[in-house]
């Protein structure tokens, strides 16, 4: 698509994915190079994953199997935990903030 290291590569990839999945978006949430599949039942989920992989193949796009995760009830994305119960801040992020030392100087 674009040369390695080009600063517009993430935006270009997201534009490609948005166009590729334009008519199949109810189950697919796209952000940068992540494709999240969310469905109500396991059988719907399997069909949606099959549809996603076929769509990628049809458009000459590939996925790195080592980076793929399938079949989770909860996932971490951009510092949030997403599940059927809603969206909440990832507790790991909260611990990091709690461990921060308070500022020593008050800049105006």
PDB file of N, CA and C in Angstrom:
ATOM      1  N   UNK A   1       0.817  -1.191   0.000  1.00  0.00           N
ATOM      2  CA  UNK A   1       0.000   0.000   0.000  1.00  0.00           C
ATOM      3  C   UNK A   1       0.864   1.259   0.000  1.00  0.00           C
ATOM      4  N   UNK A   2       1.619   1.443   1.079  1.00  0.00           N
ATOM      5  CA  UNK A   2       2.483   2.612   1.179  1.00  0.00           C
ATOM      6  C   UNK A   2       3.862   2.149   1.620  1.00  0.00           C
ATOM      7  N   UNK A   3       4.887   2.928   1.302  1.00  0.00           N
ATOM      8  CA  UNK A   3       6.237   2.538   1.707  1.00  0.00           C
ATOM      9  C   UNK A   3       6.368   2.461   3.223  1.00  0.00           C
ATOM     10  N   UNK A   4       7.213   1.562   3.692  1.00  0.00           N
ATOM     11  CA  UNK A   4       7.440   1.380   5.125  1.00  0.00           C
ATOM     12  C   UNK A   4       7.948   2.683   5.732  1.00  0.00           C
ATOM     13  N   UNK A   5       7.379   3.077   6.876  1.00  0.00           N
ATOM     14  CA  UNK A   5       7.839   4.264   7.569  1.00  0.00           C
ATOM     15  C   UNK A   5       7.161   5.554   7.140  1.00  0.00           C
ATOM     16  N   UNK A   6       6.329   5.504   6.138  1.00  0.00           N
ATOM     17  CA  UNK A   6       5.634   6.708   5.692  1.00  0.00           C
ATOM     18  C   UNK A   6       4.660   7.153   6.773  1.00  0.00           C
ATOM     19  N   UNK A   7       4.651   8.417   7.113  1.00  0.00           N
ATOM     20  CA  UNK A   7       3.865   8.890   8.258  1.00  0.00           C
ATOM     21  C   UNK A   7       2.361   8.772   8.056  1.00  0.00           C
ATOM     22  N   UNK A   8       1.907   8.680   6.822  1.00  0.00           N
ATOM     23  CA  UNK A   8       0.466   8.571   6.579  1.00  0.00           C
ATOM     24  C   UNK A   8      -0.006   7.127   6.452  1.00  0.00           C
ATOM     25  N   UNK A   9       0.882   6.156   6.675  1.00  0.00           N
ATOM     26  CA  UNK A   9       0.513   4.747   6.524  1.00  0.00           C
ATOM     27  C   UNK A   9      -0.664   4.322   7.389  1.00  0.00           C
ATOM     28  N   UNK A  10      -0.715   4.685   8.697  1.00  0.00           N
ATOM     29  CA  UNK A  10      -1.865   4.264   9.502  1.00  0.00           C
ATOM     30  C   UNK A  10      -3.195   4.807   8.960  1.00  0.00           C
ATOM     31  N   UNK A  11      -3.206   6.054   8.555  1.00  0.00           N
ATOM     32  CA  UNK A  11      -4.437   6.647   8.015  1.00  0.00           C
ATOM     33  C   UNK A  11      -4.817   5.985   6.694  1.00  0.00           C
ATOM     34  N   UNK A  12      -3.825   5.682   5.876  1.00  0.00           N
ATOM     35  CA  UNK A  12      -4.098   5.025   4.597  1.00  0.00           C
ATOM     36  C   UNK A  12      -4.688   3.635   4.819  1.00  0.00           C
ATOM     37  N   UNK A  13      -4.120   2.877   5.769  1.00  0.00           N
ATOM     38  CA  UNK A  13      -4.635   1.541   6.058  1.00  0.00           C
ATOM     39  C   UNK A  13      -6.058   1.616   6.603  1.00  0.00           C
ATOM     40  N   UNK A  14      -6.320   2.559   7.502  1.00  0.00           N
ATOM     41  CA  UNK A  14      -7.673   2.671   8.042  1.00  0.00           C
ATOM     42  C   UNK A  14      -8.665   3.026   6.947  1.00  0.00           C
ATOM     43  N   UNK A  15      -8.288   3.897   6.025  1.00  0.00           N
ATOM     44  CA  UNK A  15      -9.168   4.254   4.918  1.00  0.00           C
ATOM     45  C   UNK A  15      -9.462   3.029   4.059  1.00  0.00           C
ATOM     46  N   UNK A  16      -8.444   2.225   3.791  1.00  0.00           N
ATOM     47  CA  UNK A  16      -8.641   0.999   3.006  1.00  0.00           C
ATOM     48  C   UNK A  16      -9.610   0.064   3.728  1.00  0.00           C
ATOM     49  N   UNK A  17      -9.392  -0.154   5.026  1.00  0.00           N
ATOM     50  CA  UNK A  17     -10.266  -1.059   5.783  1.00  0.00           C
ATOM     51  C   UNK A  17     -11.697  -0.534   5.847  1.00  0.00           C
ATOM     52  N   UNK A  18     -11.858   0.763   6.026  1.00  0.00           N
ATOM     53  CA  UNK A  18     -13.216   1.338   6.051  1.00  0.00           C
ATOM     54  C   UNK A  18     -13.922   1.117   4.712  1.00  0.00           C
ATOM     55  N   UNK A  19     -13.186   1.251   3.615  1.00  0.00           N
ATOM     56  CA  UNK A  19     -13.782   1.016   2.297  1.00  0.00           C
ATOM     57  C   UNK A  19     -14.074  -0.460   2.062  1.00  0.00           C
ATOM     58  N   UNK A  20     -13.169  -1.331   2.487  1.00  0.00           N
ATOM     59  CA  UNK A  20     -13.346  -2.775   2.291  1.00  0.00           C
ATOM     60  C   UNK A  20     -14.552  -3.285   3.083  1.00  0.00           C
ATOM     61  N   UNK A  21     -14.741  -2.785   4.307  1.00  0.00           N
ATOM     62  CA  UNK A  21     -15.831  -3.250   5.166  1.00  0.00           C
ATOM     63  C   UNK A  21     -17.023  -2.290   5.183  1.00  0.00           C
ATOM     64  N   UNK A  22     -17.137  -1.432   4.185  1.00  0.00           N
ATOM     65  CA  UNK A  22     -18.163  -0.385   4.175  1.00  0.00           C
ATOM     66  C   UNK A  22     -19.578  -0.929   4.355  1.00  0.00           C
ATOM     67  N   UNK A  23     -19.905  -2.033   3.721  1.00  0.00           N
ATOM     68  CA  UNK A  23     -21.269  -2.548   3.774  1.00  0.00           C
ATOM     69  C   UNK A  23     -21.441  -3.683   4.779  1.00  0.00           C
ATOM     70  N   UNK A  24     -20.396  -4.006   5.506  1.00  0.00           N
ATOM     71  CA  UNK A  24     -20.441  -5.126   6.443  1.00  0.00           C
ATOM     72  C   UNK A  24     -20.111  -4.665   7.844  1.00  0.00           C
ATOM     73  N   UNK A  25     -20.428  -3.439   8.180  1.00  0.00           N
ATOM     74  CA  UNK A  25     -19.932  -2.836   9.409  1.00  0.00           C
ATOM     75  C   UNK A  25     -20.699  -3.162  10.687  1.00  0.00           C
ATOM     76  N   UNK A  26     -21.895  -3.729  10.676  1.00  0.00           N
ATOM     77  CA  UNK A  26     -22.575  -3.933  11.960  1.00  0.00           C
ATOM     78  C   UNK A  26     -21.766  -4.753  12.965  1.00  0.00           C
ATOM     79  N   UNK A  27     -21.056  -5.763  12.502  1.00  0.00           N
ATOM     80  CA  UNK A  27     -20.297  -6.633  13.410  1.00  0.00           C
ATOM     81  C   UNK A  27     -18.839  -6.215  13.554  1.00  0.00           C
ATOM     82  N   UNK A  28     -18.375  -5.329  12.691  1.00  0.00           N
ATOM     83  CA  UNK A  28     -16.963  -4.994  12.657  1.00  0.00           C
ATOM     84  C   UNK A  28     -16.721  -3.567  13.146  1.00  0.00           C
ATOM     85  N   UNK A  29     -15.797  -3.442  14.077  1.00  0.00           N
ATOM     86  CA  UNK A  29     -15.352  -2.137  14.560  1.00  0.00           C
ATOM     87  C   UNK A  29     -13.895  -1.998  14.149  1.00  0.00           C
ATOM     88  N   UNK A  30     -13.589  -0.963  13.423  1.00  0.00           N
ATOM     89  CA  UNK A  30     -12.259  -0.792  12.865  1.00  0.00           C
ATOM     90  C   UNK A  30     -11.565   0.396  13.498  1.00  0.00           C
ATOM     91  N   UNK A  31     -10.320   0.197  13.919  1.00  0.00           N
ATOM     92  CA  UNK A  31      -9.498   1.292  14.408  1.00  0.00           C
ATOM     93  C   UNK A  31      -8.058   1.011  14.014  1.00  0.00           C
ATOM     94  N   UNK A  32      -7.512   1.877  13.221  1.00  0.00           N
ATOM     95  CA  UNK A  32      -6.153   1.744  12.700  1.00  0.00           C
ATOM     96  C   UNK A  32      -5.989   0.363  12.066  1.00  0.00           C
ATOM     97  N   UNK A  33      -5.144  -0.488  12.642  1.00  0.00           N
ATOM     98  CA  UNK A  33      -4.941  -1.816  12.055  1.00  0.00           C
ATOM     99  C   UNK A  33      -5.643  -2.904  12.861  1.00  0.00           C
ATOM    100  N   UNK A  34      -6.591  -2.515  13.714  1.00  0.00           N
ATOM    101  CA  UNK A  34      -7.348  -3.487  14.512  1.00  0.00           C
ATOM    102  C   UNK A  34      -8.747  -3.672  13.927  1.00  0.00           C
ATOM    103  N   UNK A  35      -9.179  -4.918  13.869  1.00  0.00           N
ATOM    104  CA  UNK A  35     -10.544  -5.245  13.465  1.00  0.00           C
ATOM    105  C   UNK A  35     -11.165  -6.010  14.619  1.00  0.00           C
ATOM    106  N   UNK A  36     -12.152  -5.432  15.251  1.00  0.00           N
ATOM    107  CA  UNK A  36     -12.851  -6.086  16.360  1.00  0.00           C
ATOM    108  C   UNK A  36     -14.172  -6.616  15.840  1.00  0.00           C
ATOM    109  N   UNK A  37     -14.457  -7.858  16.174  1.00  0.00           N
ATOM    110  CA  UNK A  37     -15.702  -8.496  15.764  1.00  0.00           C
ATOM    111  C   UNK A  37     -16.556  -8.703  17.009  1.00  0.00           C
ATOM    112  N   UNK A  38     -17.747  -8.123  17.019  1.00  0.00           N
ATOM    113  CA  UNK A  38     -18.643  -8.238  18.170  1.00  0.00           C
ATOM    114  C   UNK A  38     -20.007  -8.736  17.701  1.00  0.00           C
ATOM    115  N   UNK A  39     -20.446  -9.838  18.287  1.00  0.00           N
ATOM    116  CA  UNK A  39     -21.741 -10.429  17.914  1.00  0.00           C
ATOM    117  C   UNK A  39     -22.474 -10.867  19.179  1.00  0.00           C
ATOM    118  N   UNK A  40     -23.720 -11.258  18.997  1.00  0.00           N
ATOM    119  CA  UNK A  40     -24.533 -11.673  20.137  1.00  0.00           C
ATOM    120  C   UNK A  40     -24.396 -13.130  20.519  1.00  0.00           C
ATOM    121  N   UNK A  41     -24.095 -13.978  19.558  1.00  0.00           N
ATOM    122  CA  UNK A  41     -23.994 -15.417  19.837  1.00  0.00           C
ATOM    123  C   UNK A  41     -22.706 -15.977  19.235  1.00  0.00           C
ATOM    124  N   UNK A  42     -22.329 -17.149  19.706  1.00  0.00           N
ATOM    125  CA  UNK A  42     -21.118 -17.791  19.209  1.00  0.00           C
ATOM    126  C   UNK A  42     -21.242 -18.148  17.729  1.00  0.00           C
ATOM    127  N   UNK A  43     -22.402 -18.642  17.304  1.00  0.00           N
ATOM    128  CA  UNK A  43     -22.573 -19.000  15.888  1.00  0.00           C
ATOM    129  C   UNK A  43     -22.485 -17.757  14.999  1.00  0.00           C
ATOM    130  N   UNK A  44     -23.064 -16.637  15.437  1.00  0.00           N
ATOM    131  CA  UNK A  44     -22.931 -15.387  14.691  1.00  0.00           C
ATOM    132  C   UNK A  44     -21.473 -14.953  14.627  1.00  0.00           C
ATOM    133  N   UNK A  45     -20.769 -15.169  15.725  1.00  0.00           N
ATOM    134  CA  UNK A  45     -19.366 -14.769  15.797  1.00  0.00           C
ATOM    135  C   UNK A  45     -18.532 -15.560  14.786  1.00  0.00           C
ATOM    136  N   UNK A  46     -18.744 -16.848  14.726  1.00  0.00           N
ATOM    137  CA  UNK A  46     -17.998 -17.671  13.770  1.00  0.00           C
ATOM    138  C   UNK A  46     -18.290 -17.257  12.336  1.00  0.00           C
ATOM    139  N   UNK A  47     -19.559 -16.971  12.035  1.00  0.00           N
ATOM    140  CA  UNK A  47     -19.914 -16.514  10.689  1.00  0.00           C
ATOM    141  C   UNK A  47     -19.280 -15.167  10.377  1.00  0.00           C
ATOM    142  N   UNK A  48     -19.276 -14.266  11.340  1.00  0.00           N
ATOM    143  CA  UNK A  48     -18.687 -12.942  11.134  1.00  0.00           C
ATOM    144  C   UNK A  48     -17.176 -13.038  10.911  1.00  0.00           C
ATOM    145  N   UNK A  49     -16.511 -13.901  11.657  1.00  0.00           N
ATOM    146  CA  UNK A  49     -15.065 -14.087  11.468  1.00  0.00           C
ATOM    147  C   UNK A  49     -14.791 -14.666  10.085  1.00  0.00           C
ATOM    148  N   UNK A  50     -15.595 -15.630   9.677  1.00  0.00           N
ATOM    149  CA  UNK A  50     -15.445 -16.209   8.342  1.00  0.00           C
ATOM    150  C   UNK A  50     -15.642 -15.125   7.280  1.00  0.00           C
ATOM    151  N   UNK A  51     -16.665 -14.297   7.448  1.00  0.00           N
ATOM    152  CA  UNK A  51     -16.940 -13.214   6.509  1.00  0.00           C
ATOM    153  C   UNK A  51     -15.776 -12.218   6.479  1.00  0.00           C
ATOM    154  N   UNK A  52     -15.231 -11.896   7.643  1.00  0.00           N
ATOM    155  CA  UNK A  52     -14.110 -10.965   7.724  1.00  0.00           C
ATOM    156  C   UNK A  52     -12.901 -11.514   6.970  1.00  0.00           C
ATOM    157  N   UNK A  53     -12.547 -12.774   7.227  1.00  0.00           N
ATOM    158  CA  UNK A  53     -11.383 -13.373   6.568  1.00  0.00           C
ATOM    159  C   UNK A  53     -11.582 -13.483   5.060  1.00  0.00           C
ATOM    160  N   UNK A  54     -12.790 -13.832   4.614  1.00  0.00           N
ATOM    161  CA  UNK A  54     -13.078 -13.899   3.181  1.00  0.00           C
ATOM    162  C   UNK A  54     -12.994 -12.525   2.535  1.00  0.00           C
ATOM    163  N   UNK A  55     -13.488 -11.508   3.236  1.00  0.00           N
ATOM    164  CA  UNK A  55     -13.437 -10.139   2.714  1.00  0.00           C
ATOM    165  C   UNK A  55     -11.999  -9.667   2.585  1.00  0.00           C
ATOM    166  N   UNK A  56     -11.183  -9.954   3.592  1.00  0.00           N
ATOM    167  CA  UNK A  56      -9.774  -9.574   3.526  1.00  0.00           C
ATOM    168  C   UNK A  56      -9.076 -10.284   2.371  1.00  0.00           C
ATOM    169  N   UNK A  57      -9.334 -11.589   2.233  1.00  0.00           N
ATOM    170  CA  UNK A  57      -8.712 -12.359   1.154  1.00  0.00           C
ATOM    171  C   UNK A  57      -9.138 -11.840  -0.213  1.00  0.00           C
ATOM    172  N   UNK A  58     -10.406 -11.549  -0.361  1.00  0.00           N
ATOM    173  CA  UNK A  58     -10.951 -11.045  -1.631  1.00  0.00           C
ATOM    174  C   UNK A  58     -10.284  -9.723  -2.019  1.00  0.00           C
ATOM    175  N   UNK A  59      -9.880  -8.941  -1.038  1.00  0.00           N
ATOM    176  CA  UNK A  59      -9.259  -7.645  -1.293  1.00  0.00           C
ATOM    177  C   UNK A  59      -7.735  -7.682  -1.168  1.00  0.00           C
ATOM    178  N   UNK A  60      -7.159  -8.894  -1.228  1.00  0.00           N
ATOM    179  CA  UNK A  60      -5.704  -9.110  -1.197  1.00  0.00           C
ATOM    180  C   UNK A  60      -5.055  -8.538   0.057  1.00  0.00           C
ATOM    181  N   UNK A  61      -5.746  -8.647   1.192  1.00  0.00           N
ATOM    182  CA  UNK A  61      -5.209  -8.223   2.482  1.00  0.00           C
ATOM    183  C   UNK A  61      -4.980  -9.465   3.326  1.00  0.00           C
ATOM    184  N   UNK A  62      -3.989  -9.421   4.185  1.00  0.00           N
ATOM    185  CA  UNK A  62      -3.680 -10.569   5.033  1.00  0.00           C
ATOM    186  C   UNK A  62      -3.648 -10.147   6.500  1.00  0.00           C
ATOM    187  N   UNK A  63      -3.693 -11.118   7.374  1.00  0.00           N
ATOM    188  CA  UNK A  63      -3.562 -10.885   8.807  1.00  0.00           C
ATOM    189  C   UNK A  63      -2.386 -11.698   9.320  1.00  0.00           C
ATOM    190  N   UNK A  64      -1.800 -11.235  10.402  1.00  0.00           N
ATOM    191  CA  UNK A  64      -0.721 -11.967  11.056  1.00  0.00           C
ATOM    192  C   UNK A  64      -1.373 -12.841  12.122  1.00  0.00           C
ATOM    193  N   UNK A  65      -1.409 -14.131  11.888  1.00  0.00           N
ATOM    194  CA  UNK A  65      -2.063 -15.057  12.805  1.00  0.00           C
ATOM    195  C   UNK A  65      -1.542 -14.985  14.222  1.00  0.00           C
ATOM    196  N   UNK A  66      -0.256 -14.663  14.396  1.00  0.00           N
ATOM    197  CA  UNK A  66       0.325 -14.570  15.736  1.00  0.00           C
ATOM    198  C   UNK A  66      -0.239 -13.390  16.524  1.00  0.00           C
ATOM    199  N   UNK A  67      -0.774 -12.404  15.824  1.00  0.00           N
ATOM    200  CA  UNK A  67      -1.321 -11.222  16.497  1.00  0.00           C
ATOM    201  C   UNK A  67      -2.841 -11.288  16.655  1.00  0.00           C
ATOM    202  N   UNK A  68      -3.462 -12.334  16.151  1.00  0.00           N
ATOM    203  CA  UNK A  68      -4.925 -12.457  16.208  1.00  0.00           C
ATOM    204  C   UNK A  68      -5.363 -13.120  17.509  1.00  0.00           C
ATOM    205  N   UNK A  69      -6.502 -12.671  18.012  1.00  0.00           N
ATOM    206  CA  UNK A  69      -7.113 -13.282  19.185  1.00  0.00           C
ATOM    207  C   UNK A  69      -8.585 -13.500  18.867  1.00  0.00           C
ATOM    208  N   UNK A  70      -9.078 -14.684  19.158  1.00  0.00           N
ATOM    209  CA  UNK A  70     -10.462 -15.021  18.824  1.00  0.00           C
ATOM    210  C   UNK A  70     -11.211 -15.544  20.035  1.00  0.00           C
ATOM    211  N   UNK A  71     -12.499 -15.273  20.086  1.00  0.00           N
ATOM    212  CA  UNK A  71     -13.395 -15.903  21.049  1.00  0.00           C
ATOM    213  C   UNK A  71     -13.332 -15.399  22.474  1.00  0.00           C
ATOM    214  N   UNK A  72     -13.011 -14.142  22.680  1.00  0.00           N
ATOM    215  CA  UNK A  72     -12.944 -13.606  24.043  1.00  0.00           C
ATOM    216  C   UNK A  72     -14.255 -12.912  24.420  1.00  0.00           C
ATOM    217  N   UNK A  73     -14.643 -13.026  25.690  1.00  0.00           N
ATOM    218  CA  UNK A  73     -15.819 -12.316  26.198  1.00  0.00           C
ATOM    219  C   UNK A  73     -15.480 -10.874  26.540  1.00  0.00           C
ATOM    220  N   UNK A  74     -14.189 -10.615  26.734  1.00  0.00           N
ATOM    221  CA  UNK A  74     -13.743  -9.276  27.119  1.00  0.00           C
ATOM    222  C   UNK A  74     -12.412  -9.010  26.420  1.00  0.00           C
ATOM    223  N   UNK A  75     -12.224  -7.762  25.994  1.00  0.00           N
ATOM    224  CA  UNK A  75     -10.974  -7.427  25.325  1.00  0.00           C
ATOM    225  C   UNK A  75     -10.475  -6.071  25.788  1.00  0.00           C
ATOM    226  N   UNK A  76      -9.165  -5.897  25.718  1.00  0.00           N
ATOM    227  CA  UNK A  76      -8.545  -4.625  26.074  1.00  0.00           C
ATOM    228  C   UNK A  76      -8.212  -3.891  24.792  1.00  0.00           C
ATOM    229  N   UNK A  77      -8.632  -2.638  24.710  1.00  0.00           N
ATOM    230  CA  UNK A  77      -8.369  -1.829  23.526  1.00  0.00           C
ATOM    231  C   UNK A  77      -8.193  -0.383  23.956  1.00  0.00           C
ATOM    232  N   UNK A  78      -7.037   0.181  23.657  1.00  0.00           N
ATOM    233  CA  UNK A  78      -6.739   1.590  23.936  1.00  0.00           C
ATOM    234  C   UNK A  78      -6.924   1.950  25.405  1.00  0.00           C
ATOM    235  N   UNK A  79      -6.583   1.032  26.307  1.00  0.00           N
ATOM    236  CA  UNK A  79      -6.667   1.310  27.730  1.00  0.00           C
ATOM    237  C   UNK A  79      -8.031   1.090  28.346  1.00  0.00           C
ATOM    238  N   UNK A  80      -8.946   0.500  27.596  1.00  0.00           N
ATOM    239  CA  UNK A  80     -10.286   0.209  28.101  1.00  0.00           C
ATOM    240  C   UNK A  80     -10.571  -1.285  27.970  1.00  0.00           C
ATOM    241  N   UNK A  81     -11.405  -1.802  28.868  1.00  0.00           N
ATOM    242  CA  UNK A  81     -11.888  -3.178  28.775  1.00  0.00           C
ATOM    243  C   UNK A  81     -13.295  -3.125  28.196  1.00  0.00           C
ATOM    244  N   UNK A  82     -13.510  -3.864  27.136  1.00  0.00           N
ATOM    245  CA  UNK A  82     -14.789  -3.861  26.436  1.00  0.00           C
ATOM    246  C   UNK A  82     -15.409  -5.245  26.560  1.00  0.00           C
ATOM    247  N   UNK A  83     -16.676  -5.294  27.004  1.00  0.00           N
ATOM    248  CA  UNK A  83     -17.378  -6.572  27.150  1.00  0.00           C
ATOM    249  C   UNK A  83     -18.866  -6.336  26.943  1.00  0.00           C
ATOM    250  N   UNK A  84     -19.644  -7.398  27.111  1.00  0.00           N
ATOM    251  CA  UNK A  84     -21.099  -7.278  26.997  1.00  0.00           C
ATOM    252  C   UNK A  84     -21.671  -6.382  28.093  1.00  0.00           C
ATOM    253  N   UNK A  85     -20.918  -6.223  29.188  1.00  0.00           N
ATOM    254  CA  UNK A  85     -21.366  -5.382  30.302  1.00  0.00           C
ATOM    255  C   UNK A  85     -21.065  -3.909  30.085  1.00  0.00           C
ATOM    256  N   UNK A  86     -20.355  -3.570  29.017  1.00  0.00           N
ATOM    257  CA  UNK A  86     -20.046  -2.176  28.726  1.00  0.00           C
ATOM    258  C   UNK A  86     -18.553  -1.932  28.611  1.00  0.00           C
ATOM    259  N   UNK A  87     -18.194  -0.659  28.718  1.00  0.00           N
ATOM    260  CA  UNK A  87     -16.805  -0.234  28.584  1.00  0.00           C
ATOM    261  C   UNK A  87     -16.353   0.355  29.908  1.00  0.00           C
ATOM    262  N   UNK A  88     -15.152  -0.068  30.366  1.00  0.00           N
ATOM    263  CA  UNK A  88     -14.603   0.488  31.600  1.00  0.00           C
ATOM    264  C   UNK A  88     -13.095   0.622  31.448  1.00  0.00           C
ATOM    265  N   UNK A  89     -12.513   1.457  32.284  1.00  0.00           N
ATOM    266  CA  UNK A  89     -11.069   1.668  32.243  1.00  0.00           C
ATOM    267  C   UNK A  89     -10.364   0.387  32.686  1.00  0.00           C
ATOM    268  N   UNK A  90      -9.307   0.045  31.980  1.00  0.00           N
ATOM    269  CA  UNK A  90      -8.505  -1.132  32.326  1.00  0.00           C
ATOM    270  C   UNK A  90      -7.840  -0.903  33.681  1.00  0.00           C
ATOM    271  N   UNK A  91      -8.056  -1.797  34.659  1.00  0.00           N
ATOM    272  CA  UNK A  91      -7.451  -1.628  35.989  1.00  0.00           C
ATOM    273  C   UNK A  91      -5.928  -1.482  35.960  1.00  0.00           C
ATOM    274  N   UNK A  92      -5.259  -2.068  34.972  1.00  0.00           N
ATOM    275  CA  UNK A  92      -3.807  -1.921  34.849  1.00  0.00           C
ATOM    276  C   UNK A  92      -3.435  -0.449  34.664  1.00  0.00           C
ATOM    277  N   UNK A  93      -4.247   0.273  33.911  1.00  0.00           N
ATOM    278  CA  UNK A  93      -3.986   1.702  33.670  1.00  0.00           C
ATOM    279  C   UNK A  93      -4.178   2.510  34.942  1.00  0.00           C
ATOM    280  N   UNK A  94      -5.174   2.146  35.719  1.00  0.00           N
ATOM    281  CA  UNK A  94      -5.439   2.855  36.972  1.00  0.00           C
ATOM    282  C   UNK A  94      -4.268   2.667  37.932  1.00  0.00           C
ATOM    283  N   UNK A  95      -3.723   1.446  38.023  1.00  0.00           N
ATOM    284  CA  UNK A  95      -2.583   1.181  38.907  1.00  0.00           C
ATOM    285  C   UNK A  95      -1.370   2.023  38.514  1.00  0.00           C
ATOM    286  N   UNK A  96      -1.143   2.181  37.227  1.00  0.00           N
ATOM    287  CA  UNK A  96      -0.019   2.987  36.753  1.00  0.00           C
ATOM    288  C   UNK A  96      -0.175   4.430  37.227  1.00  0.00           C
ATOM    289  N   UNK A  97      -1.370   4.968  37.119  1.00  0.00           N
ATOM    290  CA  UNK A  97      -1.625   6.349  37.536  1.00  0.00           C
ATOM    291  C   UNK A  97      -1.500   6.481  39.055  1.00  0.00           C
ATOM    292  N   UNK A  98      -1.979   5.500  39.794  1.00  0.00           N
ATOM    293  CA  UNK A  98      -1.884   5.550  41.261  1.00  0.00           C
ATOM    294  C   UNK A  98      -0.438   5.539  41.746  1.00  0.00           C
ATOM    295  N   UNK A  99       0.447   4.911  40.986  1.00  0.00           N
ATOM    296  CA  UNK A  99       1.853   4.815  41.377  1.00  0.00           C
ATOM    297  C   UNK A  99       2.650   6.074  41.035  1.00  0.00           C
ATOM    298  N   UNK A 100       2.074   6.970  40.252  1.00  0.00           N
ATOM    299  CA  UNK A 100       2.788   8.198  39.890  1.00  0.00           C
ATOM    300  C   UNK A 100       3.043   9.061  41.117  1.00  0.00           C
ATOM    301  N   UNK A 101       4.229   9.615  41.180  1.00  0.00           N
ATOM    302  CA  UNK A 101       4.563  10.532  42.286  1.00  0.00           C
ATOM    303  C   UNK A 101       3.890  11.878  42.030  1.00  0.00           C
ATOM    304  N   UNK A 102       3.436  12.545  43.083  1.00  0.00           N
ATOM    305  CA  UNK A 102       2.817  13.854  42.887  1.00  0.00           C
ATOM    306  C   UNK A 102       3.843  14.868  42.402  1.00  0.00           C
ATOM    307  N   UNK A 103       3.401  15.871  41.666  1.00  0.00           N
ATOM    308  CA  UNK A 103       4.356  16.867  41.175  1.00  0.00           C
ATOM    309  C   UNK A 103       5.033  17.606  42.332  1.00  0.00           C
ATOM    310  N   UNK A 104       6.302  17.976  42.145  1.00  0.00           N
ATOM    311  CA  UNK A 104       7.045  18.661  43.208  1.00  0.00           C
ATOM    312  C   UNK A 104       7.036  20.173  43.047  1.00  0.00           C
ATOM    313  N   UNK A 105       6.872  20.633  41.836  1.00  0.00           N
ATOM    314  CA  UNK A 105       6.856  22.067  41.584  1.00  0.00           C
ATOM    315  C   UNK A 105       5.527  22.457  40.956  1.00  0.00           C
ATOM    316  N   UNK A 106       5.039  23.604  41.334  1.00  0.00           N
ATOM    317  CA  UNK A 106       3.794  24.124  40.778  1.00  0.00           C
ATOM    318  C   UNK A 106       4.135  25.187  39.760  1.00  0.00           C
ATOM    319  N   UNK A 107       4.032  24.850  38.489  1.00  0.00           N
ATOM    320  CA  UNK A 107       4.349  25.802  37.426  1.00  0.00           C
ATOM    321  C   UNK A 107       3.104  26.615  37.108  1.00  0.00           C
ATOM    322  N   UNK A 108       3.306  27.895  36.874  1.00  0.00           N
ATOM    323  CA  UNK A 108       2.182  28.770  36.532  1.00  0.00           C
ATOM    324  C   UNK A 108       2.088  28.999  35.072  1.00  0.00           C
TER     325      UNK A 108
END
